[in-house]
């Protein structure tokens, strides 16, 4: 098994284990569940171990051979040899032994079951590591502790402290390498990328929903928009679609429109599954909680609602914003962040506590927001500023004013509005969009306390949506002749389209090899 295959295998295991969400510290939960140890102090270095995997593998990851396997009787070795000369067991005796085994299984406590399954799973991990070590020796490569390194990343990610330094190595793409996908009649307002980076879903002011294949650029599915009140006739939106979100398992797509509706779709077939009603104004922000089918929605009615998509159920409503909600995002924790338009605030909603934290720093209407990791986020406003935030500080950690420059509006100099932001998760790379004829890439400095411009990617039109692929190898922009929330300006030369921008990493020049015999 080569390192690439090992990484894929670990990703599959990790994806299945992390279905059980909301664990603020995986290691502490593991040890407290099994050994009842007190939580680690914040100043102590975390102990990275494979044991935490087994805690969450109990229900979500079935260990082959674990179910139905009786424990060895007390006092008898597990691998005790049985002579081949032994007399055959009578049916009644065999039945009695099975009954005893079942009784022992029933009497097994939850803690004993955890330990037993942990041992079985650790044995599988040991065999997996041995196989990988053999492959590495055959390839004469330096051994890499893939699982150990990944565990460290997972712990840092849960704490919101993971920051992959990739921005400095991103190359400015050749404009001729940017692919343009045409299909929408009116401005593209929102888009998402499937978790496996194979598909793009986009929507626009024409009410249409399109599924694209990234590799070929083909339209795989089109759900056209219809006239107001005709949602049931053509099974699609009958007004402008303003936002969308896709679940982390790629199963569900949610779209929100100006007609106060949230539609749930099957991503594989583009078949509509359900319609949520409840908002009293346009739905302008949607996000699935990572690892779950819990959906957050924000609206121009100034409320945040929580839904259970798997059960087609409404859960609760939260209030606090003083103006329309223009954007919303979430990750693994049971909380979400919202941009409050002209109330000038960004808010963190803690769902279980039904509480909120208020952040302020922009001077204009805050129109877009996205989380970078569990502890940091980026936002953009119509005063031209881009802000980096820490969830423990009420003021921005970094603020770039006039991020896209100035424009002349009826003889007055005004900053270009920031209409879209995107962040490559758990990294230092951020992108912003406006109608300044370019998308800008930014580098977040150490501790997210600085925002440094990297490069400009030429794109004409209003950049209404930006999304990085999960792997970070491309950026997708949704363009339109108009802003997604209104018609303040119209750029006639712009094309209503989807642009796929390749992002390549600079490769360090190989060091010269010494001649043979040296």
Protein backbone atom coordinates (compact mmCIF):
# COMPACT_ATOMS: atom_id res chain seq x y z
CA UNK A 1 0.00 0.00 0.00
CA UNK A 2 1.63 3.24 -1.11
CA UNK A 3 1.29 6.53 0.86
CA UNK A 4 -1.37 7.88 -1.54
CA UNK A 5 -3.56 4.81 -1.09
CA UNK A 6 -2.96 5.01 2.65
CA UNK A 7 -4.15 8.61 2.68
CA UNK A 8 -7.31 7.69 0.75
CA UNK A 9 -8.00 4.80 3.10
CA UNK A 10 -7.57 7.03 6.14
CA UNK A 11 -9.85 9.68 4.63
CA UNK A 12 -12.57 7.03 4.20
CA UNK A 13 -12.19 5.94 7.82
CA UNK A 14 -12.14 9.54 9.03
CA UNK A 15 -15.24 10.48 7.02
CA UNK A 16 -17.22 7.68 8.61
CA UNK A 17 -15.98 8.36 12.12
CA UNK A 18 -16.66 12.09 12.02
CA UNK A 19 -20.39 11.65 11.33
CA UNK A 20 -20.86 12.09 15.07
CA UNK A 21 -20.28 15.81 15.31
CA UNK A 22 -19.87 18.57 17.85
CA UNK A 23 -16.89 17.27 19.80
CA UNK A 24 -14.89 20.28 20.96
CA UNK A 25 -11.89 18.20 21.96
CA UNK A 26 -11.70 14.69 20.57
CA UNK A 27 -8.88 13.57 22.80
CA UNK A 28 -10.41 14.74 26.06
CA UNK A 29 -13.75 13.14 25.26
CA UNK A 30 -12.02 9.86 24.44
CA UNK A 31 -10.06 9.62 27.66
CA UNK A 32 -12.94 10.82 29.84
CA UNK A 33 -15.29 8.26 28.29
CA UNK A 34 -12.98 5.28 28.70
CA UNK A 35 -10.70 6.00 31.64
CA UNK A 36 -12.58 8.82 33.41
CA UNK A 37 -9.49 11.00 33.42
CA UNK A 38 -9.82 14.73 34.21
CA UNK A 39 -9.62 17.08 31.19
CA UNK A 40 -6.20 18.26 30.11
CA UNK A 41 -5.06 21.68 31.12
CA UNK A 42 -4.91 24.21 28.33
CA UNK A 43 -1.16 24.61 28.79
CA UNK A 44 -0.40 20.93 28.39
CA UNK A 45 0.61 19.48 25.05
CA UNK A 46 -2.16 17.19 23.72
CA UNK A 47 -1.36 13.48 23.67
CA UNK A 48 -1.92 12.25 20.16
CA UNK A 49 -3.06 8.67 20.07
CA UNK A 50 -5.04 6.33 17.89
CA UNK A 51 -7.28 5.49 20.83
CA UNK A 52 -9.74 8.34 20.23
CA UNK A 53 -10.64 6.82 16.88
CA UNK A 54 -12.09 3.83 18.63
CA UNK A 55 -14.33 5.87 20.93
CA UNK A 56 -16.27 7.23 17.97
CA UNK A 57 -16.06 4.00 15.99
CA UNK A 58 -18.50 2.25 18.31
CA UNK A 59 -21.67 3.12 16.46
CA UNK A 60 -20.57 4.68 13.18
CA UNK A 61 -17.79 2.26 12.19
CA UNK A 62 -18.51 -1.43 12.49
CA UNK A 63 -15.35 -3.42 13.12
CA UNK A 64 -15.44 -6.59 11.00
CA UNK A 65 -16.03 -9.62 13.13
CA UNK A 66 -16.82 -7.64 16.27
CA UNK A 67 -20.59 -8.14 16.19
CA UNK A 68 -21.81 -11.36 17.62
CA UNK A 69 -18.37 -12.52 18.77
CA UNK A 70 -18.63 -13.86 22.35
CA UNK A 71 -15.93 -13.10 24.86
CA UNK A 72 -13.75 -15.88 26.16
CA UNK A 73 -14.97 -17.48 29.36
CA UNK A 74 -13.31 -16.26 32.54
CA UNK A 75 -10.03 -18.01 33.25
CA UNK A 76 -9.68 -19.43 29.77
CA UNK A 77 -7.05 -18.08 27.36
CA UNK A 78 -8.45 -16.53 24.20
CA UNK A 79 -6.17 -18.52 21.89
CA UNK A 80 -6.33 -21.82 23.79
CA UNK A 81 -5.57 -24.70 21.45
CA UNK A 82 -8.20 -27.37 20.89
CA UNK A 83 -6.98 -30.84 20.07
CA UNK A 84 -8.09 -32.29 16.75
CA UNK A 85 -8.56 -35.60 18.57
CA UNK A 86 -11.28 -34.18 20.79
CA UNK A 87 -14.61 -35.89 20.62
CA UNK A 88 -17.28 -34.14 18.55
CA UNK A 89 -19.50 -31.87 20.56
CA UNK A 90 -23.05 -33.05 21.11
CA UNK A 91 -25.85 -30.78 19.77
CA UNK A 92 -27.18 -30.15 23.28
CA UNK A 93 -23.74 -29.22 24.62
CA UNK A 94 -23.08 -26.90 21.67
CA UNK A 95 -26.44 -25.22 22.16
CA UNK A 96 -25.74 -24.77 25.87
CA UNK A 97 -22.36 -23.16 25.16
CA UNK A 98 -23.94 -20.77 22.68
CA UNK A 99 -26.53 -19.80 25.28
CA UNK A 100 -23.76 -19.13 27.81
CA UNK A 101 -21.90 -17.02 25.24
CA UNK A 102 -25.04 -15.00 24.52
CA UNK A 103 -25.59 -14.46 28.24
CA UNK A 104 -21.99 -13.22 28.62
CA UNK A 105 -22.49 -10.84 25.68
CA UNK A 106 -25.67 -9.49 27.24
CA UNK A 107 -23.94 -9.05 30.60
CA UNK A 108 -21.09 -7.08 28.99
CA UNK A 109 -21.11 -3.50 30.23
CA UNK A 110 -20.81 -0.54 27.83
CA UNK A 111 -17.33 0.21 29.15
CA UNK A 112 -16.22 -3.39 28.55
CA UNK A 113 -17.63 -3.28 25.05
CA UNK A 114 -15.74 -0.06 24.32
CA UNK A 115 -12.47 -1.58 25.47
CA UNK A 116 -13.04 -4.82 23.55
CA UNK A 117 -13.86 -3.05 20.31
CA UNK A 118 -10.97 -0.63 20.84
CA UNK A 119 -8.55 -3.55 21.08
CA UNK A 120 -9.95 -5.10 17.91
CA UNK A 121 -9.71 -1.84 16.01
CA UNK A 122 -6.20 -1.07 17.27
CA UNK A 123 -5.12 -4.48 16.03
CA UNK A 124 -6.44 -3.56 12.59
CA UNK A 125 -4.54 -0.27 12.72
CA UNK A 126 -1.38 -2.11 13.74
CA UNK A 127 -1.67 -4.45 10.76
CA UNK A 128 -2.37 -1.50 8.48
CA UNK A 129 0.76 0.32 9.74
CA UNK A 130 2.88 -2.80 9.27
CA UNK A 131 1.70 -3.18 5.67
CA UNK A 132 2.44 0.47 4.97
CA UNK A 133 5.88 0.20 6.58
CA UNK A 134 6.70 -2.76 4.33
CA UNK A 135 5.64 -0.78 1.26
CA UNK A 136 7.80 2.16 2.34
CA UNK A 137 10.81 -0.10 2.80
CA UNK A 138 10.27 -1.57 -0.67
CA UNK A 139 10.07 1.90 -2.18
CA UNK A 140 13.09 3.06 -0.13
CA UNK A 141 11.25 6.12 1.08
CA UNK A 142 11.39 7.80 4.44
CA UNK A 143 8.56 6.47 6.65
CA UNK A 144 5.70 8.92 7.19
CA UNK A 145 3.37 8.74 10.17
CA UNK A 146 0.22 9.48 8.20
CA UNK A 147 -2.21 8.68 10.99
CA UNK A 148 -0.23 10.55 13.63
CA UNK A 149 0.06 13.65 11.46
CA UNK A 150 -3.62 13.51 10.56
CA UNK A 151 -4.60 13.17 14.21
CA UNK A 152 -2.63 16.31 15.04
CA UNK A 153 -4.40 18.18 12.24
CA UNK A 154 -7.80 16.98 13.44
CA UNK A 155 -7.17 18.18 16.99
CA UNK A 156 -5.99 21.59 15.77
CA UNK A 157 -8.97 21.81 13.40
CA UNK A 158 -11.43 21.12 16.22
CA UNK A 159 -9.76 23.84 18.31
CA UNK A 160 -9.85 26.26 15.39
CA UNK A 161 -6.06 26.56 15.41
CA UNK A 162 -5.22 24.77 12.16
CA UNK A 163 -3.73 27.05 9.51
CA UNK A 164 -2.16 25.45 6.46
CA UNK A 165 0.29 27.90 4.90
CA UNK A 166 -0.53 27.61 1.20
CA UNK A 167 -1.10 31.20 0.08
CA UNK A 168 2.55 32.01 -0.64
CA UNK A 169 2.82 29.06 -3.04
CA UNK A 170 -0.26 29.83 -5.15
CA UNK A 171 0.61 30.80 -8.72
CA UNK A 172 -1.31 33.49 -10.59
CA UNK A 173 -3.35 31.58 -13.20
CA UNK A 174 -3.03 32.28 -16.89
CA UNK A 175 -6.22 34.12 -18.01
CA UNK A 176 -6.50 31.73 -20.96
CA UNK A 177 -6.72 28.77 -18.56
CA UNK A 178 -9.93 30.11 -16.94
CA UNK A 179 -12.93 28.09 -18.13
CA UNK A 180 -16.27 29.86 -18.64
CA UNK A 181 -19.56 27.95 -18.33
CA UNK A 182 -22.64 29.57 -19.86
CA UNK A 183 -26.20 28.50 -19.12
CA UNK A 184 -27.99 31.08 -16.99
CA UNK A 185 -30.05 33.79 -18.66
CA UNK A 186 -29.80 36.24 -15.76
CA UNK A 187 -27.03 37.03 -13.23
CA UNK A 188 -25.64 34.09 -11.26
CA UNK A 189 -26.38 34.70 -7.59
CA UNK A 190 -24.96 31.66 -5.78
CA UNK A 191 -23.07 28.41 -6.25
CA UNK A 192 -21.60 25.50 -4.30
CA UNK A 193 -19.09 22.74 -5.06
CA UNK A 194 -19.78 19.11 -4.15
CA UNK A 195 -17.56 17.72 -1.35
CA UNK A 196 -15.69 15.49 -3.82
CA UNK A 197 -15.00 18.49 -6.13
CA UNK A 198 -16.68 16.74 -9.08
CA UNK A 199 -19.77 18.92 -9.50
CA UNK A 200 -20.87 22.54 -9.29
CA UNK A 201 -24.43 23.64 -8.51
CA UNK A 202 -25.42 27.17 -9.47
CA UNK A 203 -28.56 29.31 -9.42
CA UNK A 204 -29.51 32.74 -10.67
CA UNK A 205 -32.07 35.51 -10.81
CA UNK A 206 -33.93 33.56 -13.52
CA UNK A 207 -34.83 30.98 -10.85
CA UNK A 208 -32.97 28.20 -12.66
CA UNK A 209 -30.82 25.58 -10.95
CA UNK A 210 -28.00 23.92 -12.92
CA UNK A 211 -25.72 21.01 -12.07
CA UNK A 212 -22.34 21.09 -13.85
CA UNK A 213 -19.58 18.52 -14.19
CA UNK A 214 -16.26 20.14 -13.30
CA UNK A 215 -14.03 18.00 -15.50
CA UNK A 216 -15.99 18.37 -18.74
CA UNK A 217 -17.93 21.57 -18.04
CA UNK A 218 -21.14 19.89 -19.20
CA UNK A 219 -24.58 20.67 -17.84
CA UNK A 220 -25.81 17.45 -16.24
CA UNK A 221 -29.15 18.74 -15.01
CA UNK A 222 -31.22 21.90 -15.44
CA UNK A 223 -34.24 22.82 -13.33
CA UNK A 224 -35.72 25.91 -15.02
CA UNK A 225 -37.31 28.76 -13.15
CA UNK A 226 -41.00 29.51 -13.50
CA UNK A 227 -43.58 32.20 -12.98
CA UNK A 228 -44.59 33.26 -9.50
CA UNK A 229 -46.92 30.76 -7.88
CA UNK A 230 -46.01 27.93 -10.24
CA UNK A 231 -43.58 26.08 -7.93
CA UNK A 232 -45.75 22.96 -7.78
CA UNK A 233 -46.24 22.82 -11.54
CA UNK A 234 -42.62 22.71 -12.67
CA UNK A 235 -40.99 21.54 -9.39
CA UNK A 236 -38.60 24.47 -9.21
CA UNK A 237 -38.21 28.05 -8.03
CA UNK A 238 -40.55 30.74 -9.30
CA UNK A 239 -38.49 33.71 -8.11
CA UNK A 240 -34.86 34.78 -7.78
CA UNK A 241 -32.66 32.22 -6.00
CA UNK A 242 -30.40 34.07 -3.55
CA UNK A 243 -28.49 31.35 -1.71
CA UNK A 244 -27.69 27.64 -1.59
CA UNK A 245 -25.82 25.09 0.52
CA UNK A 246 -24.77 21.45 0.17
CA UNK A 247 -24.47 18.92 3.00
CA UNK A 248 -20.99 17.65 3.87
CA UNK A 249 -21.88 14.13 2.68
CA UNK A 250 -23.05 15.52 -0.66
CA UNK A 251 -26.55 14.08 -0.28
CA UNK A 252 -28.71 17.18 0.04
CA UNK A 253 -28.76 20.56 -1.69
CA UNK A 254 -30.73 23.45 -0.18
CA UNK A 255 -31.74 26.58 -2.11
CA UNK A 256 -33.47 29.74 -0.87
CA UNK A 257 -35.40 32.33 -2.89
CA UNK A 258 -37.09 35.72 -2.70
CA UNK A 259 -40.46 34.00 -2.33
CA UNK A 260 -39.56 32.98 1.29
CA UNK A 261 -39.09 29.31 0.33
CA UNK A 262 -36.30 26.83 1.08
CA UNK A 263 -36.20 23.87 -1.30
CA UNK A 264 -34.36 20.62 -0.57
CA UNK A 265 -32.97 18.61 -3.49
CA UNK A 266 -31.42 15.21 -4.09
CA UNK A 267 -27.99 16.09 -5.51
CA UNK A 268 -27.73 12.88 -7.53
CA UNK A 269 -31.02 13.22 -9.42
CA UNK A 270 -31.84 16.94 -8.99
CA UNK A 271 -35.25 15.83 -7.74
CA UNK A 272 -36.96 18.12 -5.26
CA UNK A 273 -37.56 16.39 -1.94
CA UNK A 274 -39.21 18.98 0.29
CA UNK A 275 -40.12 22.66 0.72
CA UNK A 276 -39.58 24.46 4.03
CA UNK A 277 -41.80 27.46 4.73
CA UNK A 278 -41.68 29.75 7.72
CA UNK A 279 -39.61 32.79 6.83
CA UNK A 280 -41.57 35.99 6.30
CA UNK A 281 -39.23 37.49 3.72
CA UNK A 282 -36.56 36.49 1.21
CA UNK A 283 -34.18 33.70 2.26
CA UNK A 284 -30.67 35.10 1.82
CA UNK A 285 -28.33 32.68 3.61
CA UNK A 286 -28.07 28.89 3.99
CA UNK A 287 -25.51 26.53 5.51
CA UNK A 288 -25.44 22.89 6.60
CA UNK A 289 -23.71 22.05 9.84
CA UNK A 290 -20.69 19.94 8.88
CA UNK A 291 -21.16 16.21 9.43
CA UNK A 292 -24.93 16.53 9.90
CA UNK A 293 -28.15 17.27 8.03
CA UNK A 294 -28.93 20.23 10.28
CA UNK A 295 -29.59 23.34 8.18
CA UNK A 296 -29.30 26.99 9.20
CA UNK A 297 -31.14 29.69 7.25
CA UNK A 298 -31.02 33.48 7.40
CA UNK A 299 -33.58 35.84 5.94
CA UNK A 300 -34.48 39.43 5.20
CA UNK A 301 -37.02 39.01 8.02
CA UNK A 302 -33.93 39.33 10.32
CA UNK A 303 -34.30 35.84 11.80
CA UNK A 304 -32.17 32.69 11.83
CA UNK A 305 -34.00 29.37 11.65
CA UNK A 306 -32.76 25.84 12.29
CA UNK A 307 -34.11 22.84 10.35
CA UNK A 308 -33.62 19.08 10.35
CA UNK A 309 -33.48 18.14 6.68
CA UNK A 310 -33.39 14.38 7.20
CA UNK A 311 -36.67 14.57 9.16
CA UNK A 312 -38.16 17.48 7.15
CA UNK A 313 -38.63 19.24 10.49
CA UNK A 314 -38.46 22.80 11.79
CA UNK A 315 -36.43 23.14 15.00
CA UNK A 316 -36.21 26.74 16.24
CA UNK A 317 -35.95 30.45 15.42
CA UNK A 318 -33.45 33.01 16.72
CA UNK A 319 -33.78 36.80 16.60
CA UNK A 320 -31.28 39.62 17.09
CA UNK A 321 -30.34 41.42 13.87
CA UNK A 322 -31.75 44.91 13.34
CA UNK A 323 -31.58 44.73 9.55
CA UNK A 324 -31.78 42.08 6.83
CA UNK A 325 -29.41 39.11 7.02
CA UNK A 326 -27.24 39.06 3.90
CA UNK A 327 -24.99 36.05 4.51
CA UNK A 328 -24.58 32.99 6.74
CA UNK A 329 -22.01 30.24 7.31
CA UNK A 330 -21.25 27.36 9.69
CA UNK A 331 -18.81 24.50 10.28
CA UNK A 332 -18.81 21.57 12.74
CA UNK A 333 -19.87 23.29 15.95
CA UNK A 334 -23.52 23.81 16.83
CA UNK A 335 -23.40 27.49 15.89
CA UNK A 336 -23.44 29.74 12.85
CA UNK A 337 -22.28 33.23 11.88
CA UNK A 338 -24.32 35.84 10.02
CA UNK A 339 -23.81 39.20 8.31
CA UNK A 340 -26.43 41.75 9.27
CA UNK A 341 -26.45 44.17 6.36
CA UNK A 342 -26.88 47.77 7.44
CA UNK A 343 -27.10 47.05 11.15
CA UNK A 344 -23.30 46.90 10.82
CA UNK A 345 -22.88 43.73 12.85
CA UNK A 346 -21.57 40.21 12.45
CA UNK A 347 -23.15 37.75 14.86
CA UNK A 348 -22.18 34.36 16.23
CA UNK A 349 -25.25 32.32 17.18
CA UNK A 350 -24.76 29.66 19.86
CA UNK A 351 -27.71 27.39 19.18
CA UNK A 352 -27.83 25.23 22.37
CA UNK A 353 -27.48 28.29 24.65
CA UNK A 354 -29.84 30.37 22.47
CA UNK A 355 -27.35 33.21 22.81
CA UNK A 356 -25.37 35.40 20.43
CA UNK A 357 -22.13 37.37 20.27
CA UNK A 358 -22.08 40.68 18.40
CA UNK A 359 -19.05 41.87 16.39
CA UNK A 360 -18.65 45.30 14.80
CA UNK A 361 -15.99 46.98 12.69
CA UNK A 362 -17.31 47.74 9.18
CA UNK A 363 -18.66 51.20 8.40
CA UNK A 364 -21.12 50.08 5.70
CA UNK A 365 -23.54 47.27 4.95
CA UNK A 366 -21.96 43.86 5.57
CA UNK A 367 -22.92 41.79 2.52
CA UNK A 368 -20.90 38.55 2.74
CA UNK A 369 -19.25 36.31 5.31
CA UNK A 370 -17.45 32.97 5.55
CA UNK A 371 -15.71 30.97 8.28
CA UNK A 372 -12.03 30.17 7.72
CA UNK A 373 -11.88 27.68 10.59
CA UNK A 374 -13.76 27.13 13.84
CA UNK A 375 -12.26 30.28 15.40
CA UNK A 376 -11.80 32.77 12.54
CA UNK A 377 -13.90 34.28 9.75
CA UNK A 378 -13.73 36.82 6.92
CA UNK A 379 -16.37 39.35 5.87
CA UNK A 380 -16.85 42.05 3.24
CA UNK A 381 -18.91 45.25 3.16
CA UNK A 382 -20.12 47.91 0.74
CA UNK A 383 -17.66 50.39 2.25
CA UNK A 384 -14.99 48.44 0.36
CA UNK A 385 -13.44 46.84 3.44
CA UNK A 386 -12.50 43.21 4.10
CA UNK A 387 -12.17 42.11 7.73
CA UNK A 388 -10.60 39.14 9.49
CA UNK A 389 -12.22 38.19 12.79
CA UNK A 390 -11.43 36.00 15.77
CA UNK A 391 -14.50 34.65 17.54
CA UNK A 392 -13.08 35.77 20.89
CA UNK A 393 -12.62 39.42 19.85
CA UNK A 394 -15.44 41.87 19.15
CA UNK A 395 -13.30 43.96 16.80
CA UNK A 396 -11.55 42.81 13.60
CA UNK A 397 -8.09 41.30 13.93
CA UNK A 398 -7.24 42.80 10.53
CA UNK A 399 -9.06 45.26 8.27
CA UNK A 400 -8.22 46.06 4.64
CA UNK A 401 -9.95 49.29 3.59
CA UNK A 402 -10.75 50.01 -0.06
CA UNK A 403 -9.70 46.44 -0.79
CA UNK A 404 -10.68 46.66 -4.48
CA UNK A 405 -9.88 50.34 -4.99
CA UNK A 406 -12.08 53.33 -5.78
CA UNK A 407 -14.64 54.09 -8.50
CA UNK A 408 -16.18 57.27 -9.85
CA UNK A 409 -19.93 57.47 -9.15
CA UNK A 410 -21.58 60.61 -10.51
CA UNK A 411 -18.41 62.60 -9.94
CA UNK A 412 -17.78 61.20 -6.46
CA UNK A 413 -15.06 58.75 -5.50
CA UNK A 414 -16.50 55.70 -3.76
CA UNK A 415 -14.98 52.32 -2.91
CA UNK A 416 -15.93 49.22 -4.86
CA UNK A 417 -18.40 47.13 -2.87
CA UNK A 418 -17.22 43.76 -1.65
CA UNK A 419 -19.89 41.40 -3.00
CA UNK A 420 -18.34 37.99 -2.25
CA UNK A 421 -15.70 36.40 -0.02
CA UNK A 422 -14.31 32.87 0.09
CA UNK A 423 -11.79 31.08 2.29
CA UNK A 424 -9.90 27.86 1.72
CA UNK A 425 -10.84 26.03 4.91
CA UNK A 426 -8.15 25.82 7.59
CA UNK A 427 -5.61 27.72 5.51
CA UNK A 428 -4.26 31.24 5.07
CA UNK A 429 -5.78 31.78 1.61
CA UNK A 430 -8.77 34.12 1.07
CA UNK A 431 -10.47 35.45 -2.07
CA UNK A 432 -12.69 38.51 -2.50
CA UNK A 433 -14.91 39.69 -5.34
CA UNK A 434 -16.47 42.98 -6.41
CA UNK A 435 -17.34 44.61 -9.76
CA UNK A 436 -13.84 46.05 -10.14
CA UNK A 437 -13.02 43.67 -13.04
CA UNK A 438 -10.95 41.35 -10.85
CA UNK A 439 -11.00 38.73 -8.11
CA UNK A 440 -8.33 39.30 -5.48
CA UNK A 441 -6.38 36.64 -3.60
CA UNK A 442 -5.15 37.45 -0.09
CA UNK A 443 -2.80 35.91 2.43
CA UNK A 444 -3.76 35.87 6.11
CA UNK A 445 -0.77 36.66 8.29
CA UNK A 446 0.27 34.81 11.42
CA UNK A 447 -2.55 34.66 13.93
CA UNK A 448 -4.88 36.15 11.27
CA UNK A 449 -3.71 39.61 12.34
CA UNK A 450 -2.72 40.77 8.88
CA UNK A 451 -4.26 40.68 5.41
CA UNK A 452 -1.78 40.86 2.55
CA UNK A 453 -2.82 41.14 -1.15
CA UNK A 454 -1.34 38.43 -3.37
CA UNK A 455 -2.66 38.78 -6.91
CA UNK A 456 -5.55 39.92 -9.12
CA UNK A 457 -7.47 37.57 -11.42
CA UNK A 458 -9.21 39.49 -14.25
CA UNK A 459 -12.99 38.87 -14.36
CA UNK A 460 -15.54 41.33 -15.74
CA UNK A 461 -18.89 41.69 -13.98
CA UNK A 462 -20.34 41.49 -10.50
CA UNK A 463 -18.72 38.63 -8.60
CA UNK A 464 -21.77 37.42 -6.69
CA UNK A 465 -20.35 34.16 -5.35
CA UNK A 466 -16.93 32.60 -4.73
CA UNK A 467 -16.04 29.08 -3.62
CA UNK A 468 -12.73 27.20 -3.26
CA UNK A 469 -12.61 23.51 -4.05
CA UNK A 470 -12.00 21.27 -1.04
CA UNK A 471 -8.55 20.37 -2.38
CA UNK A 472 -7.73 24.02 -3.10
CA UNK A 473 -6.81 23.33 -6.73
CA UNK A 474 -9.44 25.62 -8.24
CA UNK A 475 -11.66 28.59 -7.41
CA UNK A 476 -15.17 29.03 -8.84
CA UNK A 477 -16.77 32.45 -9.38
CA UNK A 478 -20.40 33.21 -10.18
CA UNK A 479 -20.67 36.32 -12.38
CA UNK A 480 -23.53 38.56 -13.38
CA UNK A 481 -24.33 41.88 -14.97
CA UNK A 482 -26.00 42.94 -11.70
CA UNK A 483 -25.46 42.61 -7.96
CA UNK A 484 -27.22 39.55 -6.51
CA UNK A 485 -29.34 41.62 -4.10
CA UNK A 486 -30.38 44.48 -6.40
CA UNK A 487 -29.97 46.46 -9.61
CA UNK A 488 -27.90 49.47 -8.54
CA UNK A 489 -25.61 49.17 -11.58
CA UNK A 490 -25.58 47.13 -14.75
CA UNK A 491 -22.38 46.08 -16.50
CA UNK A 492 -23.44 45.39 -20.09
CA UNK A 493 -20.15 43.86 -21.20
CA UNK A 494 -20.28 41.23 -18.44
CA UNK A 495 -21.49 37.67 -19.09
CA UNK A 496 -23.84 35.83 -16.75
CA UNK A 497 -21.62 32.80 -16.25
CA UNK A 498 -19.60 30.44 -14.06
CA UNK A 499 -15.80 30.76 -14.15
CA UNK A 500 -13.49 27.94 -13.05
CA UNK A 501 -10.10 29.37 -12.10
CA UNK A 502 -7.24 26.82 -11.75
CA UNK A 503 -4.91 27.35 -8.81
CA UNK A 504 -1.50 25.75 -9.04
CA UNK A 505 1.11 25.50 -6.32
CA UNK A 506 4.67 26.57 -6.97
CA UNK A 507 7.00 23.60 -6.93
CA UNK A 508 10.42 24.10 -5.37
CA UNK A 509 13.30 23.54 -7.76
CA UNK A 510 14.94 20.14 -7.13
CA UNK A 511 18.36 20.28 -5.56
CA UNK A 512 21.18 19.04 -7.81
CA UNK A 513 21.99 15.37 -7.35
CA UNK A 514 25.52 14.34 -6.54
CA UNK A 515 27.27 12.29 -9.24
CA UNK A 516 27.34 8.54 -8.77
CA UNK A 517 30.20 7.40 -6.60
CA UNK A 518 30.29 10.54 -4.44
